[in-house]
C-alpha atoms as a PDB file:
ATOM      1  CA  MET A   1     -98.951  36.959 153.509  1.00  0.00           C
ATOM      2  CA  ILE A   2    -102.685  37.266 152.954  1.00  0.00           C
ATOM      3  CA  ASP A   3    -105.119  39.670 154.584  1.00  0.00           C
ATOM      4  CA  VAL A   4    -108.021  37.685 156.046  1.00  0.00           C
ATOM      5  CA  LEU A   5    -111.237  39.539 156.868  1.00  0.00           C
ATOM      6  CA  TYR A   6    -114.049  38.234 159.053  1.00  0.00           C
ATOM      7  CA  PHE A   7    -117.615  39.563 159.011  1.00  0.00           C
ATOM      8  CA  ALA A   8    -120.767  39.173 161.153  1.00  0.00           C
ATOM      9  CA  TRP A   9    -120.800  36.115 163.430  1.00  0.00           C
ATOM     10  CA  VAL A  10    -117.476  34.896 162.005  1.00  0.00           C
ATOM     11  CA  ARG A  11    -115.837  38.060 163.369  1.00  0.00           C
ATOM     12  CA  GLU A  12    -117.648  37.636 166.688  1.00  0.00           C
ATOM     13  CA  ARG A  13    -116.450  34.050 167.128  1.00  0.00           C
ATOM     14  CA  ILE A  14    -112.853  34.811 166.169  1.00  0.00           C
ATOM     15  CA  GLY A  15    -112.776  38.078 168.095  1.00  0.00           C
ATOM     16  CA  GLN A  16    -111.205  40.320 165.468  1.00  0.00           C
ATOM     17  CA  PRO A  17    -112.229  41.843 162.147  1.00  0.00           C
ATOM     18  CA  ARG A  18    -109.040  41.097 160.193  1.00  0.00           C
ATOM     19  CA  GLU A  19    -105.514  39.761 160.367  1.00  0.00           C
ATOM     20  CA  ARG A  20    -102.505  39.108 158.172  1.00  0.00           C
ATOM     21  CA  VAL A  21    -101.865  35.402 157.797  1.00  0.00           C
ATOM     22  CA  GLU A  22     -98.700  33.611 156.751  1.00  0.00           C
ATOM     23  CA  THR A  23     -99.932  30.535 154.932  1.00  0.00           C
ATOM     24  CA  GLN A  24     -98.740  27.567 152.916  1.00  0.00           C
ATOM     25  CA  ALA A  25    -102.287  26.938 151.669  1.00  0.00           C
ATOM     26  CA  THR A  26    -102.865  26.730 147.918  1.00  0.00           C
ATOM     27  CA  THR A  27    -106.689  26.856 148.103  1.00  0.00           C
ATOM     28  CA  VAL A  28    -109.295  28.523 150.293  1.00  0.00           C
ATOM     29  CA  ALA A  29    -110.210  25.127 151.773  1.00  0.00           C
ATOM     30  CA  GLU A  30    -106.586  24.557 152.815  1.00  0.00           C
ATOM     31  CA  LEU A  31    -106.505  28.017 154.396  1.00  0.00           C
ATOM     32  CA  VAL A  32    -109.645  27.164 156.365  1.00  0.00           C
ATOM     33  CA  GLU A  33    -107.965  23.954 157.611  1.00  0.00           C
ATOM     34  CA  GLU A  34    -104.906  25.938 158.733  1.00  0.00           C
ATOM     35  CA  LEU A  35    -107.123  28.443 160.542  1.00  0.00           C
ATOM     36  CA  ARG A  36    -109.218  25.677 162.181  1.00  0.00           C
ATOM     37  CA  ALA A  37    -106.043  24.096 163.558  1.00  0.00           C
ATOM     38  CA  ARG A  38    -104.944  27.336 165.271  1.00  0.00           C
ATOM     39  CA  GLU A  39    -107.253  27.230 168.271  1.00  0.00           C
ATOM     40  CA  GLU A  40    -110.812  26.581 169.416  1.00  0.00           C
ATOM     41  CA  ARG A  41    -112.308  29.939 168.387  1.00  0.00           C
ATOM     42  CA  TYR A  42    -111.230  29.358 164.764  1.00  0.00           C
ATOM     43  CA  ALA A  43    -112.457  25.766 164.869  1.00  0.00           C
ATOM     44  CA  LEU A  44    -115.835  27.041 166.059  1.00  0.00           C
ATOM     45  CA  ALA A  45    -116.028  29.800 163.424  1.00  0.00           C
ATOM     46  CA  PHE A  46    -115.196  27.376 160.597  1.00  0.00           C
ATOM     47  CA  SER A  47    -117.016  24.306 161.934  1.00  0.00           C
ATOM     48  CA  ASP A  48    -119.616  24.411 159.135  1.00  0.00           C
ATOM     49  CA  ILE A  49    -118.273  26.016 155.971  1.00  0.00           C
ATOM     50  CA  SER A  50    -121.564  25.350 154.197  1.00  0.00           C
ATOM     51  CA  ALA A  51    -122.842  28.249 156.325  1.00  0.00           C
ATOM     52  CA  LEU A  52    -120.121  30.555 154.970  1.00  0.00           C
ATOM     53  CA  ARG A  53    -119.303  32.431 151.801  1.00  0.00           C
ATOM     54  CA  VAL A  54    -115.876  33.570 150.677  1.00  0.00           C
ATOM     55  CA  ALA A  55    -114.608  36.429 148.533  1.00  0.00           C
ATOM     56  CA  LEU A  56    -111.128  36.659 147.041  1.00  0.00           C
ATOM     57  CA  ASP A  57    -109.949  40.209 146.404  1.00  0.00           C
ATOM     58  CA  GLN A  58    -113.596  41.312 146.746  1.00  0.00           C
ATOM     59  CA  GLU A  59    -114.902  38.808 144.173  1.00  0.00           C
ATOM     60  CA  LEU A  60    -117.305  36.096 145.330  1.00  0.00           C
ATOM     61  CA  SER A  61    -115.587  32.740 145.036  1.00  0.00           C
ATOM     62  CA  ASP A  62    -115.704  29.209 146.423  1.00  0.00           C
ATOM     63  CA  PHE A  63    -113.667  27.112 148.820  1.00  0.00           C
ATOM     64  CA  SER A  64    -111.889  25.166 146.064  1.00  0.00           C
ATOM     65  CA  ALA A  65    -110.502  28.376 144.523  1.00  0.00           C
ATOM     66  CA  PRO A  66    -106.712  28.752 144.304  1.00  0.00           C
ATOM     67  CA  LEU A  67    -104.979  31.412 146.438  1.00  0.00           C
ATOM     68  CA  ASP A  68    -102.177  32.105 143.949  1.00  0.00           C
ATOM     69  CA  GLY A  69    -101.835  35.888 143.657  1.00  0.00           C
ATOM     70  CA  VAL A  70    -104.699  36.585 146.079  1.00  0.00           C
ATOM     71  CA  ARG A  71    -104.123  39.489 148.481  1.00  0.00           C
ATOM     72  CA  GLU A  72    -107.364  39.403 150.484  1.00  0.00           C
ATOM     73  CA  VAL A  73    -109.723  36.641 151.621  1.00  0.00           C
ATOM     74  CA  ALA A  74    -113.031  37.559 153.280  1.00  0.00           C
ATOM     75  CA  PHE A  75    -115.312  35.147 155.139  1.00  0.00           C
ATOM     76  CA  PHE A  76    -118.952  36.015 155.805  1.00  0.00           C
ATOM     77  CA  PRO A  77    -122.360  34.387 156.218  1.00  0.00           C
ATOM     78  CA  PRO A  78    -124.734  34.338 153.244  1.00  0.00           C
ATOM     79  CA  MET A  79    -126.455  37.657 152.692  1.00  0.00           C
ATOM     80  CA  THR A  80    -130.221  37.895 152.797  1.00  0.00           C
ATOM     81  CA  GLY A  81    -132.113  40.315 150.623  1.00  0.00           C
ATOM     82  CA  GLY A  82    -134.528  42.940 151.781  1.00  0.00           C
END
């Protein structure tokens, strides 16, 4: 089981801030594919992953990263400075 957190418009599209996910995915990209296949709101939230960033256990990562040993995956749009 992995905790999946959603921030900003990702959270708005999915309709919840977090959930525990049972997954067979070995990479972040595979997890995204599993989530997309769930239902339309996930497909919409993950329709353009180039517009998303991911953190694994609170460390910025990328979509090809392995999930082995990961407890938390967070999806969020790129941050802008200010």
